[in-house]
Amino acid sequence: MNNVCMRCGYIWSARSKKPLRCPHCKTTRWDKEMVKDVCKRCGAEWVQRGGEMPKYCPVCHSSMWNSEKRTYTCPKCGKTRNLRSNSRENLCPECDIYSASKPAPKYAEPRERIGGISRVTTLWSDGNGLTLRYVDNGSHIAALYDLGKYLGEVNIDLFCRKYRLTFELGPQIESENFQAVMRSAVDKILFTNEVVANRAEKIGTLRGLDAVSAEIINLYESGMMPVSIALKTGVPFSEIMDMISEIPPMRLNDQDTDRQKPRAPEKNWRLTGIYEKA
């Protein structure tokens, strides 16, 4: 009786009815059909040793070797990734958002920009370069310029309320009453600048600062924002922030130093919670 090995195809005549192994390839599964498995994850191929389904791929060690590979392409960044069995499909690891389930909103019309050069309105001008300008951005702040140089600012809405006037842009800004109120606002800014300049000299003397540094510290202590200080003085914003963060202490003269010294108690007085006579 001739036997045929189903693994290597060798033919031989055996003495027993059921030979133990193939004399050519030495396999004990010579009488069973050869089954080849292919990993759908890494593409590796191997022959099954037993009759049961393999638990994992011998190359990539994936337990999902017999399942089709799942991929996901992000519609926002365009990158594709392989999904595991417990991966979320609509989550992109690069964008870190659910791009497919939460698409970006689409606006039918572009949003109107609040601020811009076209929204700058001149409220008052003397015709010689001194102008009071207002930017319609909701802040109600009007700035005074002298030939393009920033001089100061004022809350124009609060200033108009002081004179029982409602601030609204339109033809009413050309009226005599409105122009008189704007002239008062300009005078207030100019008067404030004079007071601040006189006070800056004292601050420079007490703190040992130069004129520019004293003016910056004075403006900051008067309540002006660092951005406005940079526009007014022409000093870079970063230098102003460094100067504000390290304001030097005030230097006392000899008379002030003597005044700060504690007085010694008189004779026959002892120091307790208060001075009590012995």
Protein backbone atom coordinates (compact mmCIF):
# COMPACT_ATOMS: atom_id res chain seq x y z
CA MET A 1 0.00 0.00 0.00
CA ASN A 2 1.46 3.31 -1.05
CA ASN A 3 1.23 6.32 1.22
CA VAL A 4 1.34 9.94 0.07
CA CYS A 5 2.56 12.72 2.32
CA MET A 6 0.16 15.67 2.14
CA ARG A 7 2.92 18.00 3.30
CA CYS A 8 5.79 17.35 0.90
CA GLY A 9 4.14 14.96 -1.63
CA TYR A 10 6.51 12.02 -0.99
CA ILE A 11 5.20 8.57 -1.88
CA TRP A 12 6.32 5.41 -0.15
CA SER A 13 5.08 1.96 0.79
CA ALA A 14 4.94 1.46 4.54
CA ARG A 15 5.12 -1.78 6.46
CA SER A 16 2.41 -0.72 8.91
CA LYS A 17 -1.11 0.41 8.08
CA LYS A 18 -0.62 3.83 9.72
CA PRO A 19 2.96 5.11 9.60
CA LEU A 20 4.05 7.47 12.42
CA ARG A 21 5.81 10.02 10.23
CA CYS A 22 6.84 10.78 6.67
CA PRO A 23 10.29 9.33 5.93
CA HIS A 24 11.15 12.35 3.79
CA CYS A 25 10.05 15.48 5.74
CA LYS A 26 9.70 13.72 9.11
CA THR A 27 6.30 15.28 9.83
CA THR A 28 3.76 13.42 11.97
CA ARG A 29 0.89 15.20 10.19
CA TRP A 30 1.66 13.67 6.82
CA ASP A 31 -1.90 12.42 6.39
CA LYS A 32 -3.60 15.74 7.18
CA GLU A 33 -4.13 18.56 4.72
CA MET A 34 -1.72 21.49 5.05
CA VAL A 35 -3.40 24.72 6.14
CA LYS A 36 -1.64 28.05 5.67
CA ASP A 37 -2.61 31.09 7.72
CA VAL A 38 -1.99 34.72 6.70
CA CYS A 39 -1.92 37.57 9.21
CA LYS A 40 -4.13 40.42 8.01
CA ARG A 41 -2.20 42.86 10.20
CA CYS A 42 1.44 42.34 9.15
CA GLY A 43 1.04 39.95 6.16
CA ALA A 44 3.07 37.06 7.65
CA GLU A 45 2.34 33.49 6.48
CA TRP A 46 2.79 30.21 8.41
CA VAL A 47 1.52 26.64 8.44
CA GLN A 48 -0.74 25.49 11.24
CA ARG A 49 0.82 22.93 13.53
CA GLY A 50 -2.38 21.83 15.26
CA GLY A 51 -5.97 21.57 14.27
CA GLU A 52 -7.10 24.58 16.27
CA MET A 53 -7.16 28.22 15.15
CA PRO A 54 -3.97 30.10 16.25
CA LYS A 55 -4.45 32.57 19.11
CA TYR A 56 -1.99 35.13 17.80
CA CYS A 57 0.38 35.86 14.92
CA PRO A 58 3.87 34.42 15.50
CA VAL A 59 5.46 37.54 13.93
CA CYS A 60 3.53 40.62 15.18
CA HIS A 61 1.87 38.78 18.08
CA SER A 62 -1.50 40.36 17.31
CA SER A 63 -4.56 38.54 18.65
CA MET A 64 -6.62 40.18 15.85
CA TRP A 65 -4.53 38.60 13.09
CA ASN A 66 -7.60 37.15 11.37
CA SER A 67 -9.58 40.44 11.35
CA GLU A 68 -9.42 43.09 8.65
CA LYS A 69 -7.37 46.18 9.48
CA ARG A 70 -9.47 49.28 10.28
CA THR A 71 -8.23 52.74 9.38
CA TYR A 72 -9.46 56.26 10.04
CA THR A 73 -8.63 59.40 8.06
CA CYS A 74 -9.15 62.73 9.80
CA PRO A 75 -11.09 65.16 7.59
CA LYS A 76 -9.33 68.12 9.24
CA CYS A 77 -5.62 67.26 9.11
CA GLY A 78 -5.81 64.46 6.50
CA LYS A 79 -3.70 61.96 8.49
CA THR A 80 -4.60 58.24 8.48
CA ARG A 81 -4.06 55.88 11.42
CA ASN A 82 -4.71 52.19 12.10
CA LEU A 83 -7.43 51.48 14.65
CA ARG A 84 -7.19 48.86 17.36
CA SER A 85 -10.10 46.78 18.56
CA ASN A 86 -10.99 49.30 21.30
CA SER A 87 -10.16 52.51 19.38
CA ARG A 88 -12.69 55.27 18.84
CA GLU A 89 -13.29 55.87 15.18
CA ASN A 90 -14.06 59.59 15.09
CA LEU A 91 -11.22 60.70 17.39
CA CYS A 92 -8.12 62.05 15.64
CA PRO A 93 -4.91 61.65 17.71
CA GLU A 94 -3.33 64.67 16.03
CA CYS A 95 -6.19 67.18 16.26
CA ASP A 96 -7.54 65.60 19.48
CA ILE A 97 -11.13 66.34 18.46
CA TYR A 98 -14.09 64.36 17.14
CA SER A 99 -13.80 65.75 13.63
CA ALA A 100 -16.47 63.61 12.03
CA SER A 101 -19.09 63.86 14.78
CA LYS A 102 -18.53 67.58 15.46
CA PRO A 103 -17.89 69.35 12.15
CA ALA A 104 -16.69 72.93 12.19
CA PRO A 105 -19.55 75.46 12.04
CA LYS A 106 -20.12 77.17 8.72
CA TYR A 107 -21.31 80.75 8.69
CA ALA A 108 -23.51 81.91 5.86
CA GLU A 109 -22.04 85.41 6.00
CA PRO A 110 -18.70 86.64 7.34
CA ARG A 111 -18.85 88.21 10.78
CA GLU A 112 -18.64 91.97 10.96
CA ARG A 113 -15.38 93.23 12.42
CA ILE A 114 -15.88 95.48 15.44
CA GLY A 115 -12.76 97.62 15.13
CA GLY A 116 -10.95 99.03 12.14
CA ILE A 117 -9.48 102.13 10.54
CA SER A 118 -12.82 102.91 8.90
CA ARG A 119 -14.44 103.27 12.34
CA VAL A 120 -12.16 106.07 13.56
CA THR A 121 -14.14 109.30 14.04
CA THR A 122 -12.73 112.76 14.69
CA LEU A 123 -14.84 114.31 17.45
CA TRP A 124 -13.04 117.65 17.70
CA SER A 125 -10.15 119.46 16.00
CA ASP A 126 -8.61 122.93 16.26
CA GLY A 127 -7.36 122.86 12.66
CA ASN A 128 -3.70 122.99 13.71
CA GLY A 129 -3.09 119.30 14.38
CA LEU A 130 -4.75 118.96 17.80
CA THR A 131 -7.50 116.33 17.32
CA LEU A 132 -9.71 114.23 19.56
CA ARG A 133 -10.35 110.84 17.92
CA TYR A 134 -12.68 108.02 18.86
CA VAL A 135 -12.52 104.36 17.74
CA ASP A 136 -15.95 102.72 17.65
CA ASN A 137 -15.02 99.47 19.42
CA GLY A 138 -17.29 99.64 22.45
CA SER A 139 -14.71 101.03 24.90
CA HIS A 140 -15.95 104.68 24.81
CA ILE A 141 -12.34 105.91 24.96
CA ALA A 142 -11.38 109.03 23.01
CA ALA A 143 -7.67 109.83 22.53
CA LEU A 144 -6.11 113.26 22.03
CA TYR A 145 -3.32 113.66 19.46
CA ASP A 146 -1.09 116.58 18.57
CA LEU A 147 0.21 116.13 15.00
CA GLY A 148 0.02 112.35 15.50
CA LYS A 149 1.63 112.35 18.97
CA TYR A 150 -0.48 110.77 21.69
CA LEU A 151 -1.27 113.17 24.56
CA GLY A 152 -3.91 111.38 26.64
CA GLU A 153 -7.36 109.86 26.69
CA VAL A 154 -10.74 110.23 28.36
CA ASN A 155 -13.90 108.14 28.73
CA ILE A 156 -16.10 110.17 26.43
CA ASP A 157 -19.35 108.50 27.51
CA LEU A 158 -18.86 109.36 31.19
CA PHE A 159 -17.69 112.86 30.30
CA CYS A 160 -20.85 113.51 28.26
CA ARG A 161 -23.06 112.29 31.11
CA LYS A 162 -21.46 114.93 33.33
CA TYR A 163 -22.94 117.57 31.01
CA ARG A 164 -26.25 115.65 30.64
CA LEU A 165 -25.46 114.75 27.06
CA THR A 166 -25.91 111.34 25.42
CA PHE A 167 -22.90 110.32 23.39
CA GLU A 168 -23.95 109.00 19.97
CA LEU A 169 -22.14 109.07 16.66
CA GLY A 170 -23.97 110.88 13.91
CA PRO A 171 -24.76 114.37 12.66
CA GLN A 172 -25.18 115.62 16.27
CA ILE A 173 -21.40 115.65 16.79
CA GLU A 174 -21.25 118.78 14.60
CA SER A 175 -23.56 120.74 16.89
CA GLU A 176 -22.22 123.67 18.93
CA ASN A 177 -23.22 122.10 22.25
CA PHE A 178 -21.40 118.86 21.48
CA GLN A 179 -18.29 120.70 20.25
CA ALA A 180 -18.22 122.76 23.45
CA VAL A 181 -18.31 119.60 25.55
CA MET A 182 -15.50 118.06 23.46
CA ARG A 183 -13.44 121.23 23.95
CA SER A 184 -13.89 120.78 27.72
CA ALA A 185 -12.66 117.20 27.42
CA VAL A 186 -9.57 118.39 25.54
CA ASP A 187 -8.88 121.03 28.21
CA LYS A 188 -9.14 118.38 30.91
CA ILE A 189 -6.59 116.15 29.17
CA LEU A 190 -4.19 119.07 28.68
CA PHE A 191 -4.57 120.20 32.31
CA THR A 192 -3.98 116.65 33.53
CA ASN A 193 -0.79 116.48 31.47
CA GLU A 194 0.50 119.67 33.12
CA VAL A 195 -0.20 118.33 36.60
CA VAL A 196 1.41 115.00 35.75
CA ALA A 197 4.52 116.74 34.35
CA ASN A 198 4.99 118.75 37.58
CA ARG A 199 4.50 115.65 39.69
CA ALA A 200 7.01 113.70 37.56
CA GLU A 201 9.80 116.08 38.60
CA LYS A 202 9.17 115.31 42.28
CA ILE A 203 9.05 111.56 41.62
CA GLY A 204 12.36 111.72 39.75
CA THR A 205 13.99 113.52 42.70
CA LEU A 206 12.61 111.19 45.39
CA ARG A 207 13.26 107.96 43.50
CA GLY A 208 16.52 108.96 41.78
CA LEU A 209 15.21 108.49 38.24
CA ASP A 210 15.82 110.28 34.97
CA ALA A 211 13.09 112.39 33.36
CA VAL A 212 11.73 109.65 31.06
CA SER A 213 11.63 106.98 33.78
CA ALA A 214 10.00 109.40 36.22
CA GLU A 215 7.33 110.27 33.66
CA ILE A 216 6.58 106.55 33.06
CA ILE A 217 6.28 105.79 36.79
CA ASN A 218 4.13 108.89 37.27
CA LEU A 219 1.76 107.92 34.48
CA TYR A 220 1.49 104.37 35.78
CA GLU A 221 0.74 105.54 39.34
CA SER A 222 -1.84 107.95 37.90
CA GLY A 223 -3.81 104.98 36.54
CA MET A 224 -2.73 104.94 32.90
CA MET A 225 -2.39 101.53 31.24
CA PRO A 226 1.07 100.37 30.01
CA VAL A 227 -0.08 100.34 26.37
CA SER A 228 -1.20 103.97 26.61
CA ILE A 229 2.08 104.88 28.32
CA ALA A 230 4.01 103.32 25.42
CA LEU A 231 1.98 105.36 22.92
CA LYS A 232 2.48 108.57 24.86
CA THR A 233 6.20 108.29 25.63
CA GLY A 234 7.39 106.31 22.61
CA VAL A 235 9.21 103.82 24.86
CA PRO A 236 8.86 100.12 23.87
CA PHE A 237 6.17 98.23 25.74
CA SER A 238 8.61 95.57 27.04
CA GLU A 239 10.87 98.22 28.62
CA ILE A 240 7.87 99.84 30.30
CA MET A 241 6.77 96.51 31.79
CA ASP A 242 10.30 95.88 33.12
CA MET A 243 10.40 99.34 34.66
CA ILE A 244 6.97 98.94 36.27
CA SER A 245 7.90 95.57 37.77
CA GLU A 246 10.98 97.07 39.48
CA ILE A 247 9.94 100.50 40.74
CA PRO A 248 12.74 101.84 43.02
CA PRO A 249 11.75 102.91 46.55
CA MET A 250 11.57 106.57 47.50
CA ARG A 251 14.75 108.05 48.97
CA LEU A 252 14.35 110.06 52.18
CA ASN A 253 16.45 113.14 52.90
CA ASP A 254 18.22 113.75 56.20
CA GLN A 255 15.30 115.60 57.78
CA ASP A 256 12.82 112.90 56.85
CA THR A 257 15.22 110.26 58.16
CA ASP A 258 15.43 112.02 61.53
CA ARG A 259 11.66 112.18 61.70
CA GLN A 260 11.36 108.45 61.18
CA LYS A 261 13.68 107.61 64.10
CA PRO A 262 11.73 106.50 67.20
CA ARG A 263 12.06 108.74 70.20
CA ALA A 264 13.73 107.35 73.32
CA PRO A 265 11.43 107.23 76.35
CA GLU A 266 12.00 109.81 79.03
CA LYS A 267 13.64 108.96 82.31
CA ASN A 268 11.62 106.92 84.81
CA TRP A 269 9.44 105.52 81.98
CA ARG A 270 9.30 101.84 81.21
CA LEU A 271 8.25 100.28 77.87
CA THR A 272 5.22 97.99 77.99
CA GLY A 273 2.29 97.81 75.63
CA ILE A 274 2.30 101.64 75.96
CA TYR A 275 4.61 104.05 77.75
CA GLU A 276 3.72 103.96 81.44
CA LYS A 277 5.38 106.06 84.08
CA ALA A 278 7.28 104.02 86.70
